[in-house]
């Protein structure tokens, strides 16, 4: 990750943005300490991509075949044997 002093980043903003798109995040420093990171719009989108909950993903997925649903619904409801403790 390249580092840019704030004044250089201001003066060469087009280059900072180009490098962020081509090379990856660019760090901007103030008094030698990291103050900000410039990244491409694609990089930002990857970081802020919100994933759907698993249940939503499954419910929005393709429908299950009727015969599979029927076999699941027809399965025995036996919970097994009782085990004394």
PDB file of N, CA and C in Angstrom:
ATOM      1  N   UNK A   1       0.858  -1.171   0.000  1.00  0.00           N
ATOM      2  CA  UNK A   1       0.000   0.000   0.000  1.00  0.00           C
ATOM      3  C   UNK A   1       0.905   1.235   0.000  1.00  0.00           C
ATOM      4  N   UNK A   2       0.681   2.098  -0.960  1.00  0.00           N
ATOM      5  CA  UNK A   2       1.484   3.322  -1.089  1.00  0.00           C
ATOM      6  C   UNK A   2       1.051   4.352  -0.051  1.00  0.00           C
ATOM      7  N   UNK A   3       2.013   5.164   0.365  1.00  0.00           N
ATOM      8  CA  UNK A   3       1.727   6.244   1.311  1.00  0.00           C
ATOM      9  C   UNK A   3       1.927   7.594   0.642  1.00  0.00           C
ATOM     10  N   UNK A   4       1.026   8.496   0.943  1.00  0.00           N
ATOM     11  CA  UNK A   4       1.087   9.852   0.404  1.00  0.00           C
ATOM     12  C   UNK A   4       0.972  10.836   1.566  1.00  0.00           C
ATOM     13  N   UNK A   5       1.846  11.847   1.576  1.00  0.00           N
ATOM     14  CA  UNK A   5       1.653  12.931   2.534  1.00  0.00           C
ATOM     15  C   UNK A   5       0.437  13.722   2.066  1.00  0.00           C
ATOM     16  N   UNK A   6      -0.287  14.292   2.985  1.00  0.00           N
ATOM     17  CA  UNK A   6      -1.525  14.992   2.659  1.00  0.00           C
ATOM     18  C   UNK A   6      -1.328  16.033   1.566  1.00  0.00           C
ATOM     19  N   UNK A   7      -0.295  16.843   1.664  1.00  0.00           N
ATOM     20  CA  UNK A   7      -0.071  17.899   0.671  1.00  0.00           C
ATOM     21  C   UNK A   7       0.164  17.295  -0.709  1.00  0.00           C
ATOM     22  N   UNK A   8       0.950  16.202  -0.785  1.00  0.00           N
ATOM     23  CA  UNK A   8       1.202  15.540  -2.069  1.00  0.00           C
ATOM     24  C   UNK A   8      -0.089  14.936  -2.618  1.00  0.00           C
ATOM     25  N   UNK A   9      -0.876  14.344  -1.743  1.00  0.00           N
ATOM     26  CA  UNK A   9      -2.133  13.735  -2.184  1.00  0.00           C
ATOM     27  C   UNK A   9      -3.076  14.800  -2.736  1.00  0.00           C
ATOM     28  N   UNK A  10      -3.112  15.964  -2.095  1.00  0.00           N
ATOM     29  CA  UNK A  10      -3.968  17.050  -2.586  1.00  0.00           C
ATOM     30  C   UNK A  10      -3.494  17.536  -3.948  1.00  0.00           C
ATOM     31  N   UNK A  11      -2.186  17.695  -4.099  1.00  0.00           N
ATOM     32  CA  UNK A  11      -1.634  18.205  -5.342  1.00  0.00           C
ATOM     33  C   UNK A  11      -1.719  17.200  -6.492  1.00  0.00           C
ATOM     34  N   UNK A  12      -1.740  15.916  -6.168  1.00  0.00           N
ATOM     35  CA  UNK A  12      -1.715  14.885  -7.205  1.00  0.00           C
ATOM     36  C   UNK A  12      -2.903  13.943  -7.060  1.00  0.00           C
ATOM     37  N   UNK A  13      -4.069  14.496  -6.733  1.00  0.00           N
ATOM     38  CA  UNK A  13      -5.255  13.691  -6.460  1.00  0.00           C
ATOM     39  C   UNK A  13      -5.598  12.750  -7.612  1.00  0.00           C
ATOM     40  N   UNK A  14      -5.490  13.215  -8.828  1.00  0.00           N
ATOM     41  CA  UNK A  14      -5.801  12.356  -9.982  1.00  0.00           C
ATOM     42  C   UNK A  14      -4.923  11.111  -9.984  1.00  0.00           C
ATOM     43  N   UNK A  15      -3.643  11.279  -9.664  1.00  0.00           N
ATOM     44  CA  UNK A  15      -2.733  10.135  -9.633  1.00  0.00           C
ATOM     45  C   UNK A  15      -3.069   9.198  -8.469  1.00  0.00           C
ATOM     46  N   UNK A  16      -3.409   9.770  -7.326  1.00  0.00           N
ATOM     47  CA  UNK A  16      -3.785   8.948  -6.172  1.00  0.00           C
ATOM     48  C   UNK A  16      -5.004   8.086  -6.521  1.00  0.00           C
ATOM     49  N   UNK A  17      -5.998   8.691  -7.146  1.00  0.00           N
ATOM     50  CA  UNK A  17      -7.207   7.956  -7.524  1.00  0.00           C
ATOM     51  C   UNK A  17      -6.879   6.892  -8.571  1.00  0.00           C
ATOM     52  N   UNK A  18      -6.075   7.241  -9.557  1.00  0.00           N
ATOM     53  CA  UNK A  18      -5.696   6.264 -10.581  1.00  0.00           C
ATOM     54  C   UNK A  18      -4.989   5.070  -9.951  1.00  0.00           C
ATOM     55  N   UNK A  19      -4.062   5.357  -9.049  1.00  0.00           N
ATOM     56  CA  UNK A  19      -3.331   4.262  -8.394  1.00  0.00           C
ATOM     57  C   UNK A  19      -4.250   3.422  -7.503  1.00  0.00           C
ATOM     58  N   UNK A  20      -5.197   4.058  -6.865  1.00  0.00           N
ATOM     59  CA  UNK A  20      -6.151   3.300  -6.041  1.00  0.00           C
ATOM     60  C   UNK A  20      -6.931   2.327  -6.909  1.00  0.00           C
ATOM     61  N   UNK A  21      -7.297   2.762  -8.117  1.00  0.00           N
ATOM     62  CA  UNK A  21      -8.036   1.891  -9.028  1.00  0.00           C
ATOM     63  C   UNK A  21      -7.160   0.776  -9.580  1.00  0.00           C
ATOM     64  N   UNK A  22      -5.912   1.075  -9.870  1.00  0.00           N
ATOM     65  CA  UNK A  22      -5.035   0.110 -10.532  1.00  0.00           C
ATOM     66  C   UNK A  22      -4.215  -0.745  -9.571  1.00  0.00           C
ATOM     67  N   UNK A  23      -3.769  -0.151  -8.469  1.00  0.00           N
ATOM     68  CA  UNK A  23      -2.832  -0.845  -7.584  1.00  0.00           C
ATOM     69  C   UNK A  23      -3.431  -1.243  -6.243  1.00  0.00           C
ATOM     70  N   UNK A  24      -4.510  -0.591  -5.861  1.00  0.00           N
ATOM     71  CA  UNK A  24      -5.107  -0.893  -4.560  1.00  0.00           C
ATOM     72  C   UNK A  24      -5.110   0.328  -3.658  1.00  0.00           C
ATOM     73  N   UNK A  25      -5.513   0.148  -2.411  1.00  0.00           N
ATOM     74  CA  UNK A  25      -5.664   1.268  -1.471  1.00  0.00           C
ATOM     75  C   UNK A  25      -4.398   2.110  -1.329  1.00  0.00           C
ATOM     76  N   UNK A  26      -4.600   3.408  -1.166  1.00  0.00           N
ATOM     77  CA  UNK A  26      -3.518   4.376  -1.009  1.00  0.00           C
ATOM     78  C   UNK A  26      -3.708   5.069   0.343  1.00  0.00           C
ATOM     79  N   UNK A  27      -2.672   5.082   1.165  1.00  0.00           N
ATOM     80  CA  UNK A  27      -2.743   5.697   2.488  1.00  0.00           C
ATOM     81  C   UNK A  27      -2.323   7.158   2.414  1.00  0.00           C
ATOM     82  N   UNK A  28      -3.080   8.016   3.068  1.00  0.00           N
ATOM     83  CA  UNK A  28      -2.740   9.437   3.174  1.00  0.00           C
ATOM     84  C   UNK A  28      -2.329   9.687   4.618  1.00  0.00           C
ATOM     85  N   UNK A  29      -1.165  10.321   4.796  1.00  0.00           N
ATOM     86  CA  UNK A  29      -0.660  10.573   6.142  1.00  0.00           C
ATOM     87  C   UNK A  29      -0.703  12.054   6.477  1.00  0.00           C
ATOM     88  N   UNK A  30      -0.846  12.325   7.766  1.00  0.00           N
ATOM     89  CA  UNK A  30      -0.765  13.684   8.295  1.00  0.00           C
ATOM     90  C   UNK A  30       0.268  13.637   9.418  1.00  0.00           C
ATOM     91  N   UNK A  31       1.299  14.429   9.287  1.00  0.00           N
ATOM     92  CA  UNK A  31       2.415  14.445  10.240  1.00  0.00           C
ATOM     93  C   UNK A  31       3.001  13.043  10.413  1.00  0.00           C
ATOM     94  N   UNK A  32       3.070  12.288   9.296  1.00  0.00           N
ATOM     95  CA  UNK A  32       3.690  10.972   9.313  1.00  0.00           C
ATOM     96  C   UNK A  32       2.823   9.836   9.845  1.00  0.00           C
ATOM     97  N   UNK A  33       1.602  10.149  10.247  1.00  0.00           N
ATOM     98  CA  UNK A  33       0.713   9.110  10.780  1.00  0.00           C
ATOM     99  C   UNK A  33      -0.443   8.871   9.801  1.00  0.00           C
ATOM    100  N   UNK A  34      -0.839   7.620   9.607  1.00  0.00           N
ATOM    101  CA  UNK A  34      -1.951   7.336   8.701  1.00  0.00           C
ATOM    102  C   UNK A  34      -3.219   8.086   9.130  1.00  0.00           C
ATOM    103  N   UNK A  35      -3.847   8.767   8.169  1.00  0.00           N
ATOM    104  CA  UNK A  35      -5.041   9.551   8.473  1.00  0.00           C
ATOM    105  C   UNK A  35      -6.244   9.098   7.656  1.00  0.00           C
ATOM    106  N   UNK A  36      -5.997   8.593   6.450  1.00  0.00           N
ATOM    107  CA  UNK A  36      -7.101   8.189   5.580  1.00  0.00           C
ATOM    108  C   UNK A  36      -6.584   7.186   4.564  1.00  0.00           C
ATOM    109  N   UNK A  37      -7.525   6.462   3.982  1.00  0.00           N
ATOM    110  CA  UNK A  37      -7.188   5.509   2.925  1.00  0.00           C
ATOM    111  C   UNK A  37      -8.088   5.806   1.737  1.00  0.00           C
ATOM    112  N   UNK A  38      -7.489   5.931   0.564  1.00  0.00           N
ATOM    113  CA  UNK A  38      -8.229   6.134  -0.675  1.00  0.00           C
ATOM    114  C   UNK A  38      -8.318   4.780  -1.360  1.00  0.00           C
ATOM    115  N   UNK A  39      -9.523   4.346  -1.663  1.00  0.00           N
ATOM    116  CA  UNK A  39      -9.678   3.090  -2.381  1.00  0.00           C
ATOM    117  C   UNK A  39     -10.674   3.243  -3.513  1.00  0.00           C
ATOM    118  N   UNK A  40     -10.603   2.316  -4.444  1.00  0.00           N
ATOM    119  CA  UNK A  40     -11.481   2.372  -5.615  1.00  0.00           C
ATOM    120  C   UNK A  40     -12.929   2.135  -5.205  1.00  0.00           C
ATOM    121  N   UNK A  41     -13.838   2.533  -6.087  1.00  0.00           N
ATOM    122  CA  UNK A  41     -15.257   2.304  -5.832  1.00  0.00           C
ATOM    123  C   UNK A  41     -15.540   0.803  -5.737  1.00  0.00           C
ATOM    124  N   UNK A  42     -14.857   0.002  -6.558  1.00  0.00           N
ATOM    125  CA  UNK A  42     -15.047  -1.454  -6.518  1.00  0.00           C
ATOM    126  C   UNK A  42     -14.569  -2.019  -5.187  1.00  0.00           C
ATOM    127  N   UNK A  43     -13.441  -1.530  -4.701  1.00  0.00           N
ATOM    128  CA  UNK A  43     -12.933  -1.972  -3.399  1.00  0.00           C
ATOM    129  C   UNK A  43     -13.876  -1.606  -2.275  1.00  0.00           C
ATOM    130  N   UNK A  44     -14.430  -0.403  -2.343  1.00  0.00           N
ATOM    131  CA  UNK A  44     -15.391   0.036  -1.326  1.00  0.00           C
ATOM    132  C   UNK A  44     -16.645  -0.827  -1.373  1.00  0.00           C
ATOM    133  N   UNK A  45     -17.120  -1.138  -2.575  1.00  0.00           N
ATOM    134  CA  UNK A  45     -18.323  -1.974  -2.715  1.00  0.00           C
ATOM    135  C   UNK A  45     -18.089  -3.351  -2.105  1.00  0.00           C
ATOM    136  N   UNK A  46     -16.893  -3.920  -2.294  1.00  0.00           N
ATOM    137  CA  UNK A  46     -16.590  -5.227  -1.696  1.00  0.00           C
ATOM    138  C   UNK A  46     -16.617  -5.147  -0.175  1.00  0.00           C
ATOM    139  N   UNK A  47     -16.124  -4.062   0.384  1.00  0.00           N
ATOM    140  CA  UNK A  47     -16.090  -3.918   1.839  1.00  0.00           C
ATOM    141  C   UNK A  47     -17.466  -3.697   2.447  1.00  0.00           C
ATOM    142  N   UNK A  48     -18.339  -3.043   1.714  1.00  0.00           N
ATOM    143  CA  UNK A  48     -19.642  -2.700   2.270  1.00  0.00           C
ATOM    144  C   UNK A  48     -20.757  -3.621   1.813  1.00  0.00           C
ATOM    145  N   UNK A  49     -20.425  -4.654   1.061  1.00  0.00           N
ATOM    146  CA  UNK A  49     -21.424  -5.602   0.583  1.00  0.00           C
ATOM    147  C   UNK A  49     -22.059  -6.309   1.771  1.00  0.00           C
ATOM    148  N   UNK A  50     -23.358  -6.143   1.917  1.00  0.00           N
ATOM    149  CA  UNK A  50     -24.082  -6.771   3.017  1.00  0.00           C
ATOM    150  C   UNK A  50     -24.636  -8.107   2.528  1.00  0.00           C
ATOM    151  N   UNK A  51     -24.289  -9.158   3.229  1.00  0.00           N
ATOM    152  CA  UNK A  51     -24.776 -10.479   2.858  1.00  0.00           C
ATOM    153  C   UNK A  51     -26.155 -10.714   3.450  1.00  0.00           C
ATOM    154  N   UNK A  52     -26.950 -11.465   2.707  1.00  0.00           N
ATOM    155  CA  UNK A  52     -28.272 -11.836   3.198  1.00  0.00           C
ATOM    156  C   UNK A  52     -28.123 -12.910   4.265  1.00  0.00           C
ATOM    157  N   UNK A  53     -29.034 -12.938   5.229  1.00  0.00           N
ATOM    158  CA  UNK A  53     -29.022 -14.041   6.191  1.00  0.00           C
ATOM    159  C   UNK A  53     -29.236 -15.370   5.456  1.00  0.00           C
ATOM    160  N   UNK A  54     -28.725 -16.458   6.016  1.00  0.00           N
ATOM    161  CA  UNK A  54     -28.819 -17.767   5.389  1.00  0.00           C
ATOM    162  C   UNK A  54     -30.272 -18.149   5.124  1.00  0.00           C
ATOM    163  N   UNK A  55     -31.154 -17.850   6.060  1.00  0.00           N
ATOM    164  CA  UNK A  55     -32.568 -18.214   5.862  1.00  0.00           C
ATOM    165  C   UNK A  55     -33.154 -17.490   4.654  1.00  0.00           C
ATOM    166  N   UNK A  56     -32.838 -16.228   4.482  1.00  0.00           N
ATOM    167  CA  UNK A  56     -33.330 -15.476   3.325  1.00  0.00           C
ATOM    168  C   UNK A  56     -32.755 -16.056   2.038  1.00  0.00           C
ATOM    169  N   UNK A  57     -31.466 -16.365   2.055  1.00  0.00           N
ATOM    170  CA  UNK A  57     -30.818 -16.960   0.889  1.00  0.00           C
ATOM    171  C   UNK A  57     -31.516 -18.258   0.493  1.00  0.00           C
ATOM    172  N   UNK A  58     -31.787 -19.110   1.473  1.00  0.00           N
ATOM    173  CA  UNK A  58     -32.435 -20.388   1.182  1.00  0.00           C
ATOM    174  C   UNK A  58     -33.876 -20.203   0.703  1.00  0.00           C
ATOM    175  N   UNK A  59     -34.601 -19.287   1.333  1.00  0.00           N
ATOM    176  CA  UNK A  59     -36.001 -19.074   0.946  1.00  0.00           C
ATOM    177  C   UNK A  59     -36.135 -18.433  -0.428  1.00  0.00           C
ATOM    178  N   UNK A  60     -35.143 -17.637  -0.833  1.00  0.00           N
ATOM    179  CA  UNK A  60     -35.205 -16.999  -2.139  1.00  0.00           C
ATOM    180  C   UNK A  60     -34.608 -17.869  -3.241  1.00  0.00           C
ATOM    181  N   UNK A  61     -34.060 -19.007  -2.867  1.00  0.00           N
ATOM    182  CA  UNK A  61     -33.424 -19.897  -3.830  1.00  0.00           C
ATOM    183  C   UNK A  61     -34.451 -20.636  -4.671  1.00  0.00           C
ATOM    184  N   UNK A  62     -33.972 -21.566  -5.491  1.00  0.00           N
ATOM    185  CA  UNK A  62     -34.888 -22.321  -6.351  1.00  0.00           C
ATOM    186  C   UNK A  62     -35.830 -23.195  -5.524  1.00  0.00           C
ATOM    187  N   UNK A  63     -36.989 -23.461  -6.087  1.00  0.00           N
ATOM    188  CA  UNK A  63     -37.966 -24.307  -5.400  1.00  0.00           C
ATOM    189  C   UNK A  63     -37.473 -25.734  -5.346  1.00  0.00           C
ATOM    190  N   UNK A  64     -37.861 -26.431  -4.294  1.00  0.00           N
ATOM    191  CA  UNK A  64     -37.506 -27.834  -4.164  1.00  0.00           C
ATOM    192  C   UNK A  64     -38.509 -28.662  -4.951  1.00  0.00           C
ATOM    193  N   UNK A  65     -38.071 -29.780  -5.525  1.00  0.00           N
ATOM    194  CA  UNK A  65     -39.007 -30.644  -6.255  1.00  0.00           C
ATOM    195  C   UNK A  65     -40.096 -31.166  -5.313  1.00  0.00           C
ATOM    196  N   UNK A  66     -41.305 -31.296  -5.844  1.00  0.00           N
ATOM    197  CA  UNK A  66     -42.440 -31.735  -5.028  1.00  0.00           C
ATOM    198  C   UNK A  66     -42.194 -33.090  -4.375  1.00  0.00           C
ATOM    199  N   UNK A  67     -41.556 -34.026  -5.095  1.00  0.00           N
ATOM    200  CA  UNK A  67     -41.331 -35.348  -4.509  1.00  0.00           C
ATOM    201  C   UNK A  67     -40.370 -35.283  -3.322  1.00  0.00           C
ATOM    202  N   UNK A  68     -39.392 -34.367  -3.338  1.00  0.00           N
ATOM    203  CA  UNK A  68     -38.491 -34.210  -2.207  1.00  0.00           C
ATOM    204  C   UNK A  68     -39.239 -33.630  -1.010  1.00  0.00           C
ATOM    205  N   UNK A  69     -40.040 -32.619  -1.250  1.00  0.00           N
ATOM    206  CA  UNK A  69     -40.829 -32.018  -0.174  1.00  0.00           C
ATOM    207  C   UNK A  69     -41.763 -33.064   0.429  1.00  0.00           C
ATOM    208  N   UNK A  70     -42.382 -33.859  -0.418  1.00  0.00           N
ATOM    209  CA  UNK A  70     -43.304 -34.891   0.066  1.00  0.00           C
ATOM    210  C   UNK A  70     -42.566 -35.927   0.908  1.00  0.00           C
ATOM    211  N   UNK A  71     -41.382 -36.342   0.484  1.00  0.00           N
ATOM    212  CA  UNK A  71     -40.631 -37.337   1.261  1.00  0.00           C
ATOM    213  C   UNK A  71     -40.181 -36.765   2.605  1.00  0.00           C
ATOM    214  N   UNK A  72     -39.876 -35.482   2.655  1.00  0.00           N
ATOM    215  CA  UNK A  72     -39.520 -34.851   3.931  1.00  0.00           C
ATOM    216  C   UNK A  72     -40.743 -34.811   4.842  1.00  0.00           C
ATOM    217  N   UNK A  73     -41.879 -34.449   4.295  1.00  0.00           N
ATOM    218  CA  UNK A  73     -43.101 -34.361   5.099  1.00  0.00           C
ATOM    219  C   UNK A  73     -43.605 -35.737   5.532  1.00  0.00           C
ATOM    220  N   UNK A  74     -43.307 -36.778   4.776  1.00  0.00           N
ATOM    221  CA  UNK A  74     -43.786 -38.123   5.093  1.00  0.00           C
ATOM    222  C   UNK A  74     -42.849 -38.888   6.031  1.00  0.00           C
ATOM    223  N   UNK A  75     -41.740 -38.321   6.400  1.00  0.00           N
ATOM    224  CA  UNK A  75     -40.792 -39.058   7.236  1.00  0.00           C
ATOM    225  C   UNK A  75     -41.395 -39.349   8.610  1.00  0.00           C
ATOM    226  N   UNK A  76     -40.941 -40.410   9.253  1.00  0.00           N
ATOM    227  CA  UNK A  76     -41.475 -40.758  10.569  1.00  0.00           C
ATOM    228  C   UNK A  76     -41.195 -39.645  11.584  1.00  0.00           C
ATOM    229  N   UNK A  77     -42.119 -39.423  12.456  1.00  0.00           N
ATOM    230  CA  UNK A  77     -41.973 -38.388  13.490  1.00  0.00           C
ATOM    231  C   UNK A  77     -41.435 -38.969  14.797  1.00  0.00           C
ATOM    232  N   UNK A  78     -41.025 -40.232  14.773  1.00  0.00           N
ATOM    233  CA  UNK A  78     -40.482 -40.898  15.949  1.00  0.00           C
ATOM    234  C   UNK A  78     -39.224 -40.168  16.412  1.00  0.00           C
ATOM    235  N   UNK A  79     -39.154 -39.812  17.659  1.00  0.00           N
ATOM    236  CA  UNK A  79     -37.996 -39.087  18.188  1.00  0.00           C
ATOM    237  C   UNK A  79     -36.927 -40.023  18.713  1.00  0.00           C
ATOM    238  N   UNK A  80     -37.109 -41.320  18.545  1.00  0.00           N
ATOM    239  CA  UNK A  80     -36.107 -42.274  19.021  1.00  0.00           C
ATOM    240  C   UNK A  80     -36.529 -42.895  20.330  1.00  0.00           C
ATOM    241  N   UNK A  81     -35.642 -43.632  20.930  1.00  0.00           N
ATOM    242  CA  UNK A  81     -35.960 -44.315  22.166  1.00  0.00           C
ATOM    243  C   UNK A  81     -35.668 -43.442  23.377  1.00  0.00           C
ATOM    244  N   UNK A  82     -36.323 -43.752  24.476  1.00  0.00           N
ATOM    245  CA  UNK A  82     -36.062 -43.054  25.728  1.00  0.00           C
ATOM    246  C   UNK A  82     -34.801 -43.622  26.371  1.00  0.00           C
ATOM    247  N   UNK A  83     -33.948 -42.762  26.824  1.00  0.00           N
ATOM    248  CA  UNK A  83     -32.720 -43.195  27.493  1.00  0.00           C
ATOM    249  C   UNK A  83     -32.773 -42.709  28.924  1.00  0.00           C
ATOM    250  N   UNK A  84     -32.755 -43.659  29.885  1.00  0.00           N
ATOM    251  CA  UNK A  84     -32.798 -43.226  31.293  1.00  0.00           C
ATOM    252  C   UNK A  84     -31.474 -42.588  31.722  1.00  0.00           C
ATOM    253  N   UNK A  85     -31.563 -41.547  32.466  1.00  0.00           N
ATOM    254  CA  UNK A  85     -30.362 -40.879  33.006  1.00  0.00           C
ATOM    255  C   UNK A  85     -30.273 -41.067  34.477  1.00  0.00           C
TER     256      UNK A  85
END
